[in-house]
Amino acid sequence: MPPTDDTNDPQGGNARKPNDADRYVGQQVRQARRELGLTQDALAAMLGITFQQIQKYESGQSRLSAGRLRDVAIALGKPVGFFYEPFELDGAPPADAGLRLQIQDLRRDGKRLLDKIRNSKDLDVAVRVLAALQRTA
């Protein structure tokens, strides 16, 4: 039986190519990054990857894994669902009101932190602090 996972097959037979949903997620990443005034370099540094990889995610050339999307969401102060909003399933149970409030609080706190970073004279130090926080989370 052939493998059915998302890994890249060296023979090229089972690798999944990005689709419309992947491109939409990439557009959402770009929008959220721009809303915060972050460059691709700054987001890449926060995630510990290259700016070229951010370009590939944003253009839909590369797929974001679930774990990487979680990291991107945290860095951009967005809930993971933000990246899939039009792709949510009809009839799915509504999110718990308490959870929604917690997410709003986290987004607000994340925006405050990013505002402080943008206004920081030493952006490199702030980016390293955020990266360290992500590794310990």
C-alpha atoms as a PDB file:
ATOM      1  CA  MET A   1       0.000   0.000   0.000  1.00  0.00           C
ATOM      2  CA  PRO A   2       1.512   3.415  -0.947  1.00  0.00           C
ATOM      3  CA  PRO A   3       2.157   5.990   1.788  1.00  0.00           C
ATOM      4  CA  THR A   4      -0.532   8.633   2.196  1.00  0.00           C
ATOM      5  CA  ASP A   5       1.226  11.271   4.268  1.00  0.00           C
ATOM      6  CA  ASP A   6       2.269  14.770   3.218  1.00  0.00           C
ATOM      7  CA  THR A   7       5.986  14.069   3.135  1.00  0.00           C
ATOM      8  CA  ASN A   8       7.953  14.707  -0.006  1.00  0.00           C
ATOM      9  CA  ASP A   9       8.589  11.493  -1.893  1.00  0.00           C
ATOM     10  CA  PRO A  10      12.077  11.525  -3.484  1.00  0.00           C
ATOM     11  CA  GLN A  11      10.487   9.940  -6.568  1.00  0.00           C
ATOM     12  CA  GLY A  12       7.920  12.752  -6.742  1.00  0.00           C
ATOM     13  CA  GLY A  13       4.966  10.380  -6.798  1.00  0.00           C
ATOM     14  CA  ASN A  14       3.294  11.114  -3.480  1.00  0.00           C
ATOM     15  CA  ALA A  15       4.291  14.696  -2.722  1.00  0.00           C
ATOM     16  CA  ARG A  16       1.255  16.922  -2.284  1.00  0.00           C
ATOM     17  CA  LYS A  17       1.378  20.207  -4.094  1.00  0.00           C
ATOM     18  CA  PRO A  18       0.004  23.418  -2.588  1.00  0.00           C
ATOM     19  CA  ASN A  19      -3.649  24.029  -3.450  1.00  0.00           C
ATOM     20  CA  ASP A  20      -6.074  26.964  -3.246  1.00  0.00           C
ATOM     21  CA  ALA A  21      -6.408  26.611   0.526  1.00  0.00           C
ATOM     22  CA  ASP A  22      -2.608  26.729   0.905  1.00  0.00           C
ATOM     23  CA  ARG A  23      -2.430  29.860  -1.218  1.00  0.00           C
ATOM     24  CA  TYR A  24      -5.200  31.457   0.834  1.00  0.00           C
ATOM     25  CA  VAL A  25      -3.378  30.646   4.077  1.00  0.00           C
ATOM     26  CA  GLY A  26      -0.250  32.251   2.615  1.00  0.00           C
ATOM     27  CA  GLN A  27      -2.212  35.395   1.720  1.00  0.00           C
ATOM     28  CA  GLN A  28      -3.535  35.530   5.279  1.00  0.00           C
ATOM     29  CA  VAL A  29       0.016  35.242   6.629  1.00  0.00           C
ATOM     30  CA  ARG A  30       1.090  38.160   4.422  1.00  0.00           C
ATOM     31  CA  GLN A  31      -1.910  40.261   5.494  1.00  0.00           C
ATOM     32  CA  ALA A  32      -1.337  39.640   9.204  1.00  0.00           C
ATOM     33  CA  ARG A  33       2.394  40.333   8.888  1.00  0.00           C
ATOM     34  CA  ARG A  34       1.768  43.609   7.072  1.00  0.00           C
ATOM     35  CA  GLU A  35      -0.892  44.679   9.589  1.00  0.00           C
ATOM     36  CA  LEU A  36       1.795  44.455  12.268  1.00  0.00           C
ATOM     37  CA  GLY A  37       4.327  46.313  10.143  1.00  0.00           C
ATOM     38  CA  LEU A  38       6.717  43.346  10.154  1.00  0.00           C
ATOM     39  CA  THR A  39       9.100  42.578   7.334  1.00  0.00           C
ATOM     40  CA  GLN A  40       9.567  39.067   6.028  1.00  0.00           C
ATOM     41  CA  ASP A  41      13.024  39.171   7.635  1.00  0.00           C
ATOM     42  CA  ALA A  42      11.590  40.044  11.050  1.00  0.00           C
ATOM     43  CA  LEU A  43       8.956  37.293  10.922  1.00  0.00           C
ATOM     44  CA  ALA A  44      11.546  34.803   9.710  1.00  0.00           C
ATOM     45  CA  ALA A  45      13.854  35.711  12.603  1.00  0.00           C
ATOM     46  CA  MET A  46      11.005  35.221  15.068  1.00  0.00           C
ATOM     47  CA  LEU A  47      10.383  31.753  13.615  1.00  0.00           C
ATOM     48  CA  GLY A  48      14.031  30.776  13.185  1.00  0.00           C
ATOM     49  CA  ILE A  49      13.733  30.309   9.412  1.00  0.00           C
ATOM     50  CA  THR A  50      14.857  32.223   6.321  1.00  0.00           C
ATOM     51  CA  PHE A  51      12.952  35.098   4.759  1.00  0.00           C
ATOM     52  CA  GLN A  52      12.907  33.038   1.556  1.00  0.00           C
ATOM     53  CA  GLN A  53      10.792  30.425   3.333  1.00  0.00           C
ATOM     54  CA  ILE A  54       8.379  33.165   4.424  1.00  0.00           C
ATOM     55  CA  GLN A  55       8.171  34.222   0.762  1.00  0.00           C
ATOM     56  CA  LYS A  56       7.312  30.657  -0.230  1.00  0.00           C
ATOM     57  CA  TYR A  57       4.619  30.395   2.432  1.00  0.00           C
ATOM     58  CA  GLU A  58       3.088  33.743   1.496  1.00  0.00           C
ATOM     59  CA  SER A  59       3.083  32.985  -2.237  1.00  0.00           C
ATOM     60  CA  GLY A  60       1.602  29.538  -1.688  1.00  0.00           C
ATOM     61  CA  GLN A  61       4.652  27.790  -3.133  1.00  0.00           C
ATOM     62  CA  SER A  62       5.230  25.894   0.131  1.00  0.00           C
ATOM     63  CA  ARG A  63       2.658  24.356   2.427  1.00  0.00           C
ATOM     64  CA  LEU A  64       2.596  25.305   6.102  1.00  0.00           C
ATOM     65  CA  SER A  65       2.585  22.316   8.447  1.00  0.00           C
ATOM     66  CA  ALA A  66       0.222  22.410  11.409  1.00  0.00           C
ATOM     67  CA  GLY A  67       3.116  23.025  13.797  1.00  0.00           C
ATOM     68  CA  ARG A  68       4.608  25.808  11.701  1.00  0.00           C
ATOM     69  CA  LEU A  69       1.191  27.437  11.262  1.00  0.00           C
ATOM     70  CA  ARG A  70       0.796  27.419  15.046  1.00  0.00           C
ATOM     71  CA  ASP A  71       4.180  29.156  15.383  1.00  0.00           C
ATOM     72  CA  VAL A  72       3.209  31.720  12.726  1.00  0.00           C
ATOM     73  CA  ALA A  73      -0.117  32.360  14.467  1.00  0.00           C
ATOM     74  CA  ILE A  74       1.624  32.960  17.791  1.00  0.00           C
ATOM     75  CA  ALA A  75       4.206  35.267  16.207  1.00  0.00           C
ATOM     76  CA  LEU A  76       1.493  37.278  14.453  1.00  0.00           C
ATOM     77  CA  GLY A  77      -0.909  37.344  17.397  1.00  0.00           C
ATOM     78  CA  LYS A  78      -3.682  35.608  15.473  1.00  0.00           C
ATOM     79  CA  PRO A  79      -5.700  32.506  16.279  1.00  0.00           C
ATOM     80  CA  VAL A  80      -4.921  29.609  13.939  1.00  0.00           C
ATOM     81  CA  GLY A  81      -8.515  29.797  12.680  1.00  0.00           C
ATOM     82  CA  PHE A  82      -7.822  33.258  11.252  1.00  0.00           C
ATOM     83  CA  PHE A  83      -5.770  31.643   8.504  1.00  0.00           C
ATOM     84  CA  TYR A  84      -8.669  29.357   7.502  1.00  0.00           C
ATOM     85  CA  GLU A  85     -11.711  31.589   8.052  1.00  0.00           C
ATOM     86  CA  PRO A  86     -13.446  31.030   4.688  1.00  0.00           C
ATOM     87  CA  PHE A  87     -12.559  27.330   4.790  1.00  0.00           C
ATOM     88  CA  GLU A  88     -14.300  26.562   8.101  1.00  0.00           C
ATOM     89  CA  LEU A  89     -16.870  23.806   7.976  1.00  0.00           C
ATOM     90  CA  ASP A  90     -20.556  24.689   8.041  1.00  0.00           C
ATOM     91  CA  GLY A  91     -22.305  23.229  11.049  1.00  0.00           C
ATOM     92  CA  ALA A  92     -19.169  23.099  13.195  1.00  0.00           C
ATOM     93  CA  PRO A  93     -19.886  23.749  16.878  1.00  0.00           C
ATOM     94  CA  PRO A  94     -19.352  27.395  17.892  1.00  0.00           C
ATOM     95  CA  ALA A  95     -16.238  28.134  19.881  1.00  0.00           C
ATOM     96  CA  ASP A  96     -16.613  28.264  23.648  1.00  0.00           C
ATOM     97  CA  ALA A  97     -17.232  31.867  24.799  1.00  0.00           C
ATOM     98  CA  GLY A  98     -14.564  31.586  27.515  1.00  0.00           C
ATOM     99  CA  LEU A  99     -12.021  30.366  24.991  1.00  0.00           C
ATOM    100  CA  ARG A 100     -12.921  33.240  22.690  1.00  0.00           C
ATOM    101  CA  LEU A 101     -12.236  35.728  25.497  1.00  0.00           C
ATOM    102  CA  GLN A 102      -8.889  34.098  26.255  1.00  0.00           C
ATOM    103  CA  ILE A 103      -7.931  34.318  22.590  1.00  0.00           C
ATOM    104  CA  GLN A 104      -8.928  37.993  22.477  1.00  0.00           C
ATOM    105  CA  ASP A 105      -6.787  38.653  25.555  1.00  0.00           C
ATOM    106  CA  LEU A 106      -3.824  36.851  24.012  1.00  0.00           C
ATOM    107  CA  ARG A 107      -4.202  38.780  20.769  1.00  0.00           C
ATOM    108  CA  ARG A 108      -4.364  42.091  22.654  1.00  0.00           C
ATOM    109  CA  ASP A 109      -1.296  41.202  24.733  1.00  0.00           C
ATOM    110  CA  GLY A 110       0.547  40.022  21.630  1.00  0.00           C
ATOM    111  CA  LYS A 111      -0.209  43.270  19.833  1.00  0.00           C
ATOM    112  CA  ARG A 112       1.070  45.273  22.801  1.00  0.00           C
ATOM    113  CA  LEU A 113       4.263  43.243  22.817  1.00  0.00           C
ATOM    114  CA  LEU A 114       4.745  43.709  19.088  1.00  0.00           C
ATOM    115  CA  ASP A 115       4.131  47.456  19.430  1.00  0.00           C
ATOM    116  CA  LYS A 116       6.880  47.599  22.051  1.00  0.00           C
ATOM    117  CA  ILE A 117       9.196  45.635  19.767  1.00  0.00           C
ATOM    118  CA  ARG A 118       8.501  47.915  16.807  1.00  0.00           C
ATOM    119  CA  ASN A 119       9.257  50.933  18.973  1.00  0.00           C
ATOM    120  CA  SER A 120      12.380  49.323  20.403  1.00  0.00           C
ATOM    121  CA  LYS A 121      15.724  50.821  19.486  1.00  0.00           C
ATOM    122  CA  ASP A 122      17.242  47.346  19.447  1.00  0.00           C
ATOM    123  CA  LEU A 123      14.969  45.194  17.300  1.00  0.00           C
ATOM    124  CA  ASP A 124      17.525  42.376  17.165  1.00  0.00           C
ATOM    125  CA  VAL A 125      17.413  41.922  20.955  1.00  0.00           C
ATOM    126  CA  ALA A 126      13.611  41.966  20.969  1.00  0.00           C
ATOM    127  CA  VAL A 127      13.448  39.350  18.200  1.00  0.00           C
ATOM    128  CA  ARG A 128      15.874  37.093  20.105  1.00  0.00           C
ATOM    129  CA  VAL A 129      13.775  37.438  23.273  1.00  0.00           C
ATOM    130  CA  LEU A 130      10.628  36.452  21.372  1.00  0.00           C
ATOM    131  CA  ALA A 131      12.401  33.488  19.790  1.00  0.00           C
ATOM    132  CA  ALA A 132      13.578  32.340  23.227  1.00  0.00           C
ATOM    133  CA  LEU A 133      10.049  32.662  24.599  1.00  0.00           C
ATOM    134  CA  GLN A 134       8.703  30.545  21.760  1.00  0.00           C
ATOM    135  CA  ARG A 135      11.249  27.801  22.430  1.00  0.00           C
ATOM    136  CA  THR A 136      10.191  27.598  26.090  1.00  0.00           C
ATOM    137  CA  ALA A 137       6.442  27.634  25.382  1.00  0.00           C
END
